[in-house]
Amino acid sequence: MEKLTTPKGIERDQATQARVEQECKQLSLYQFKTCPFCIKVRKEMARLNLPIELRDAQHNETHRTELEEQGGRVKVPCLRITQDSDEARWMYESDDIIQYLRERFEHA
């Protein structure tokens, strides 16, 4: 069902999309496949044409442990943002994640 309701991604020129893809390497989304809030974020990622790494915190023990130990709690969705200093910022709440992605990438 998710695939049927996912919007078409925005189109960018090749250079801009390459820059966006490079910036997305600093991001990863900890998520559960069937969580409705995670689905909401994944749909926005698709709309914004963002190849952000998905990390299954439900079935992958390594990802779940990272989320708990580094993020502070096992709650999804959670966007891990790696700063230039290699420090990570952990963003919870689907609406906050979507707002961040829109502000950073919608007009890229």
N, C-alpha and C. Protein backbone atom coordinates (compact mmCIF):
# COMPACT_ATOMS: atom_id res chain seq x y z
N MET A 1 0.82 -1.20 0.00
CA MET A 1 0.00 0.00 0.00
C MET A 1 0.87 1.26 0.00
N GLU A 2 1.94 1.22 0.77
CA GLU A 2 2.81 2.41 0.83
C GLU A 2 3.32 2.79 -0.55
N LYS A 3 3.71 1.79 -1.31
CA LYS A 3 4.26 2.04 -2.64
C LYS A 3 3.23 2.73 -3.55
N LEU A 4 1.98 2.34 -3.41
CA LEU A 4 0.92 2.92 -4.25
C LEU A 4 0.62 4.38 -3.90
N THR A 5 0.85 4.76 -2.66
CA THR A 5 0.50 6.11 -2.22
C THR A 5 1.71 7.03 -2.06
N THR A 6 2.88 6.55 -2.44
CA THR A 6 4.08 7.37 -2.34
C THR A 6 4.14 8.34 -3.51
N PRO A 7 4.36 9.63 -3.23
CA PRO A 7 4.39 10.61 -4.31
C PRO A 7 5.63 10.48 -5.18
N LYS A 8 5.52 10.99 -6.39
CA LYS A 8 6.65 11.02 -7.32
C LYS A 8 7.66 12.04 -6.79
N GLY A 9 8.94 11.71 -6.92
CA GLY A 9 9.99 12.59 -6.43
C GLY A 9 10.16 13.84 -7.28
N ILE A 10 10.55 14.92 -6.61
CA ILE A 10 10.82 16.15 -7.35
C ILE A 10 12.05 15.94 -8.22
N GLU A 11 12.12 16.67 -9.31
CA GLU A 11 13.24 16.53 -10.23
C GLU A 11 14.17 17.72 -10.07
N ARG A 12 15.46 17.41 -10.07
CA ARG A 12 16.49 18.43 -9.98
C ARG A 12 17.45 18.23 -11.15
N ASP A 13 18.21 19.27 -11.47
CA ASP A 13 19.25 19.06 -12.48
C ASP A 13 20.30 18.12 -11.89
N GLN A 14 21.10 17.55 -12.75
CA GLN A 14 22.03 16.49 -12.36
C GLN A 14 23.02 16.96 -11.28
N ALA A 15 23.55 18.16 -11.41
CA ALA A 15 24.54 18.66 -10.45
C ALA A 15 23.90 18.88 -9.08
N THR A 16 22.69 19.42 -9.07
CA THR A 16 22.00 19.66 -7.80
C THR A 16 21.65 18.35 -7.13
N GLN A 17 21.16 17.38 -7.90
CA GLN A 17 20.82 16.08 -7.33
C GLN A 17 22.06 15.39 -6.77
N ALA A 18 23.18 15.53 -7.45
CA ALA A 18 24.43 14.92 -6.96
C ALA A 18 24.83 15.55 -5.63
N ARG A 19 24.66 16.87 -5.49
CA ARG A 19 24.97 17.54 -4.23
C ARG A 19 24.03 17.07 -3.12
N VAL A 20 22.75 16.95 -3.44
CA VAL A 20 21.76 16.47 -2.47
C VAL A 20 22.12 15.05 -2.02
N GLU A 21 22.47 14.20 -2.96
CA GLU A 21 22.83 12.82 -2.63
C GLU A 21 24.06 12.78 -1.73
N GLN A 22 25.02 13.65 -1.97
CA GLN A 22 26.21 13.72 -1.13
C GLN A 22 25.82 14.14 0.29
N GLU A 23 24.96 15.14 0.41
CA GLU A 23 24.52 15.61 1.73
C GLU A 23 23.73 14.53 2.46
N CYS A 24 23.00 13.70 1.74
CA CYS A 24 22.19 12.65 2.36
C CYS A 24 23.06 11.56 2.98
N LYS A 25 24.32 11.49 2.60
CA LYS A 25 25.21 10.50 3.21
C LYS A 25 25.45 10.80 4.69
N GLN A 26 25.12 12.01 5.14
CA GLN A 26 25.24 12.39 6.54
C GLN A 26 23.99 12.03 7.34
N LEU A 27 22.99 11.45 6.68
CA LEU A 27 21.70 11.19 7.31
C LEU A 27 21.38 9.70 7.30
N SER A 28 20.71 9.25 8.34
CA SER A 28 20.15 7.90 8.35
C SER A 28 18.87 7.93 9.18
N LEU A 29 17.88 7.18 8.71
CA LEU A 29 16.58 7.14 9.38
C LEU A 29 16.41 5.79 10.07
N TYR A 30 16.32 5.84 11.39
CA TYR A 30 16.01 4.65 12.18
C TYR A 30 14.49 4.53 12.18
N GLN A 31 14.00 3.34 11.81
CA GLN A 31 12.56 3.21 11.57
C GLN A 31 12.11 1.77 11.72
N PHE A 32 10.79 1.63 11.81
CA PHE A 32 10.12 0.33 11.74
C PHE A 32 9.35 0.34 10.43
N LYS A 33 9.36 -0.75 9.71
CA LYS A 33 8.73 -0.81 8.39
C LYS A 33 7.24 -0.44 8.42
N THR A 34 6.50 -0.90 9.43
CA THR A 34 5.05 -0.68 9.42
C THR A 34 4.58 0.46 10.30
N CYS A 35 5.48 1.18 10.93
CA CYS A 35 5.09 2.32 11.77
C CYS A 35 4.50 3.42 10.90
N PRO A 36 3.28 3.88 11.19
CA PRO A 36 2.65 4.90 10.34
C PRO A 36 3.43 6.22 10.31
N PHE A 37 4.09 6.57 11.39
CA PHE A 37 4.88 7.81 11.42
C PHE A 37 6.15 7.66 10.58
N CYS A 38 6.71 6.46 10.56
CA CYS A 38 7.88 6.18 9.72
C CYS A 38 7.48 6.21 8.25
N ILE A 39 6.32 5.65 7.94
CA ILE A 39 5.81 5.68 6.57
C ILE A 39 5.64 7.12 6.10
N LYS A 40 5.11 7.95 6.97
CA LYS A 40 4.91 9.37 6.66
C LYS A 40 6.24 10.03 6.29
N VAL A 41 7.30 9.74 7.05
CA VAL A 41 8.62 10.31 6.77
C VAL A 41 9.18 9.73 5.48
N ARG A 42 9.06 8.43 5.28
CA ARG A 42 9.58 7.82 4.05
C ARG A 42 8.89 8.38 2.81
N LYS A 43 7.60 8.66 2.90
CA LYS A 43 6.89 9.25 1.76
C LYS A 43 7.44 10.65 1.45
N GLU A 44 7.73 11.41 2.48
CA GLU A 44 8.29 12.75 2.26
C GLU A 44 9.70 12.64 1.69
N MET A 45 10.46 11.66 2.15
CA MET A 45 11.79 11.43 1.58
C MET A 45 11.67 11.12 0.09
N ALA A 46 10.69 10.31 -0.27
CA ALA A 46 10.47 9.97 -1.68
C ALA A 46 10.07 11.21 -2.47
N ARG A 47 9.18 12.02 -1.91
CA ARG A 47 8.73 13.24 -2.59
C ARG A 47 9.90 14.20 -2.83
N LEU A 48 10.79 14.29 -1.84
CA LEU A 48 11.94 15.18 -1.96
C LEU A 48 13.12 14.53 -2.70
N ASN A 49 12.93 13.25 -3.10
CA ASN A 49 13.95 12.52 -3.86
C ASN A 49 15.26 12.46 -3.06
N LEU A 50 15.15 11.95 -1.82
CA LEU A 50 16.29 11.88 -0.91
C LEU A 50 16.69 10.42 -0.66
N PRO A 51 17.89 10.02 -1.07
CA PRO A 51 18.35 8.65 -0.83
C PRO A 51 18.97 8.50 0.56
N ILE A 52 18.16 8.63 1.58
CA ILE A 52 18.64 8.53 2.97
C ILE A 52 18.63 7.06 3.37
N GLU A 53 19.72 6.64 4.01
CA GLU A 53 19.83 5.25 4.45
C GLU A 53 18.76 4.94 5.49
N LEU A 54 18.07 3.82 5.29
CA LEU A 54 17.06 3.35 6.25
C LEU A 54 17.69 2.31 7.15
N ARG A 55 17.48 2.46 8.44
CA ARG A 55 18.02 1.50 9.41
C ARG A 55 16.86 0.90 10.19
N ASP A 56 16.72 -0.39 10.08
CA ASP A 56 15.63 -1.12 10.72
C ASP A 56 15.93 -1.32 12.21
N ALA A 57 15.29 -0.53 13.04
CA ALA A 57 15.51 -0.61 14.49
C ALA A 57 14.60 -1.63 15.15
N GLN A 58 13.75 -2.28 14.36
CA GLN A 58 12.85 -3.28 14.91
C GLN A 58 13.46 -4.68 14.83
N HIS A 59 14.06 -5.00 13.69
CA HIS A 59 14.57 -6.35 13.47
C HIS A 59 16.09 -6.45 13.45
N ASN A 60 16.78 -5.32 13.42
CA ASN A 60 18.24 -5.33 13.40
C ASN A 60 18.74 -4.88 14.77
N GLU A 61 19.30 -5.82 15.51
CA GLU A 61 19.73 -5.54 16.89
C GLU A 61 20.81 -4.47 16.96
N THR A 62 21.70 -4.44 15.98
CA THR A 62 22.76 -3.42 15.95
C THR A 62 22.16 -2.02 15.86
N HIS A 63 21.22 -1.85 14.93
CA HIS A 63 20.59 -0.54 14.76
C HIS A 63 19.76 -0.16 15.99
N ARG A 64 19.09 -1.12 16.57
CA ARG A 64 18.29 -0.86 17.76
C ARG A 64 19.20 -0.41 18.92
N THR A 65 20.33 -1.06 19.07
CA THR A 65 21.27 -0.71 20.13
C THR A 65 21.86 0.68 19.90
N GLU A 66 22.23 0.99 18.65
CA GLU A 66 22.74 2.33 18.32
C GLU A 66 21.71 3.39 18.69
N LEU A 67 20.47 3.14 18.32
CA LEU A 67 19.39 4.09 18.59
C LEU A 67 19.24 4.32 20.10
N GLU A 68 19.27 3.24 20.85
CA GLU A 68 19.09 3.35 22.30
C GLU A 68 20.30 4.00 22.98
N GLU A 69 21.50 3.54 22.64
CA GLU A 69 22.70 4.02 23.33
C GLU A 69 23.15 5.41 22.88
N GLN A 70 23.03 5.69 21.60
CA GLN A 70 23.51 6.97 21.09
C GLN A 70 22.39 8.02 21.00
N GLY A 71 21.20 7.57 20.64
CA GLY A 71 20.07 8.49 20.52
C GLY A 71 19.38 8.74 21.85
N GLY A 72 19.50 7.78 22.76
CA GLY A 72 18.93 7.96 24.08
C GLY A 72 17.67 7.18 24.36
N ARG A 73 17.02 6.69 23.31
CA ARG A 73 15.80 5.90 23.50
C ARG A 73 15.45 5.17 22.21
N VAL A 74 14.69 4.11 22.38
CA VAL A 74 14.21 3.36 21.21
C VAL A 74 12.84 3.92 20.87
N LYS A 75 12.85 4.90 19.98
CA LYS A 75 11.62 5.54 19.51
C LYS A 75 11.85 5.88 18.04
N VAL A 76 10.87 5.55 17.23
CA VAL A 76 10.99 5.82 15.80
C VAL A 76 9.80 6.65 15.34
N PRO A 77 9.98 7.37 14.24
CA PRO A 77 11.20 7.53 13.47
C PRO A 77 12.21 8.41 14.20
N CYS A 78 13.47 8.21 13.85
CA CYS A 78 14.55 9.03 14.39
C CYS A 78 15.56 9.26 13.27
N LEU A 79 15.83 10.52 13.01
CA LEU A 79 16.80 10.88 11.97
C LEU A 79 18.13 11.19 12.64
N ARG A 80 19.16 10.44 12.24
CA ARG A 80 20.51 10.69 12.74
C ARG A 80 21.20 11.61 11.75
N ILE A 81 21.63 12.76 12.24
CA ILE A 81 22.28 13.77 11.41
C ILE A 81 23.74 13.85 11.87
N THR A 82 24.65 13.46 11.01
CA THR A 82 26.07 13.52 11.34
C THR A 82 26.59 14.90 10.95
N GLN A 83 27.13 15.59 11.92
CA GLN A 83 27.68 16.92 11.69
C GLN A 83 29.07 16.80 11.08
N ASP A 84 29.61 17.89 10.58
CA ASP A 84 30.95 17.89 9.99
C ASP A 84 32.01 17.46 11.00
N SER A 85 31.75 17.68 12.27
CA SER A 85 32.69 17.32 13.32
C SER A 85 32.55 15.84 13.72
N ASP A 86 31.77 15.09 12.97
CA ASP A 86 31.47 13.68 13.23
C ASP A 86 30.61 13.47 14.47
N GLU A 87 30.08 14.54 15.04
CA GLU A 87 29.13 14.40 16.13
C GLU A 87 27.76 14.17 15.52
N ALA A 88 26.95 13.40 16.22
CA ALA A 88 25.61 13.08 15.70
C ALA A 88 24.55 13.84 16.48
N ARG A 89 23.56 14.27 15.74
CA ARG A 89 22.36 14.88 16.32
C ARG A 89 21.23 13.90 16.03
N TRP A 90 20.42 13.62 17.03
CA TRP A 90 19.33 12.65 16.90
C TRP A 90 18.00 13.40 16.95
N MET A 91 17.23 13.31 15.87
CA MET A 91 15.97 14.04 15.78
C MET A 91 14.80 13.06 15.77
N TYR A 92 13.96 13.17 16.78
CA TYR A 92 12.76 12.34 16.89
C TYR A 92 11.55 13.17 16.42
N GLU A 93 10.42 12.52 16.28
CA GLU A 93 9.14 13.12 15.88
C GLU A 93 9.07 13.32 14.37
N SER A 94 8.11 12.66 13.77
CA SER A 94 7.97 12.69 12.30
C SER A 94 7.78 14.10 11.76
N ASP A 95 6.99 14.92 12.42
CA ASP A 95 6.75 16.28 11.92
C ASP A 95 8.03 17.11 11.96
N ASP A 96 8.84 16.95 13.01
CA ASP A 96 10.10 17.68 13.10
C ASP A 96 11.07 17.22 12.01
N ILE A 97 11.12 15.92 11.77
CA ILE A 97 12.00 15.37 10.74
C ILE A 97 11.58 15.90 9.36
N ILE A 98 10.29 15.86 9.08
CA ILE A 98 9.78 16.34 7.79
C ILE A 98 10.08 17.83 7.62
N GLN A 99 9.87 18.61 8.65
CA GLN A 99 10.16 20.05 8.57
C GLN A 99 11.65 20.28 8.28
N TYR A 100 12.51 19.54 8.97
CA TYR A 100 13.95 19.66 8.75
C TYR A 100 14.31 19.32 7.30
N LEU A 101 13.78 18.21 6.80
CA LEU A 101 14.08 17.79 5.43
C LEU A 101 13.58 18.81 4.42
N ARG A 102 12.40 19.35 4.63
CA ARG A 102 11.87 20.36 3.71
C ARG A 102 12.73 21.61 3.72
N GLU A 103 13.09 22.07 4.90
CA GLU A 103 13.90 23.29 5.01
C GLU A 103 15.27 23.10 4.35
N ARG A 104 15.82 21.92 4.48
CA ARG A 104 17.16 21.66 3.96
C ARG A 104 17.18 21.33 2.47
N PHE A 105 16.14 20.63 1.98
CA PHE A 105 16.22 20.09 0.62
C PHE A 105 15.12 20.51 -0.35
N GLU A 106 14.02 21.07 0.11
CA GLU A 106 12.91 21.32 -0.81
C GLU A 106 13.30 22.24 -1.97
N HIS A 107 14.10 23.25 -1.69
CA HIS A 107 14.46 24.20 -2.74
C HIS A 107 15.93 24.06 -3.14
N ALA A 108 16.47 22.87 -2.90
CA ALA A 108 17.89 22.63 -3.24
C ALA A 108 18.06 22.51 -4.74
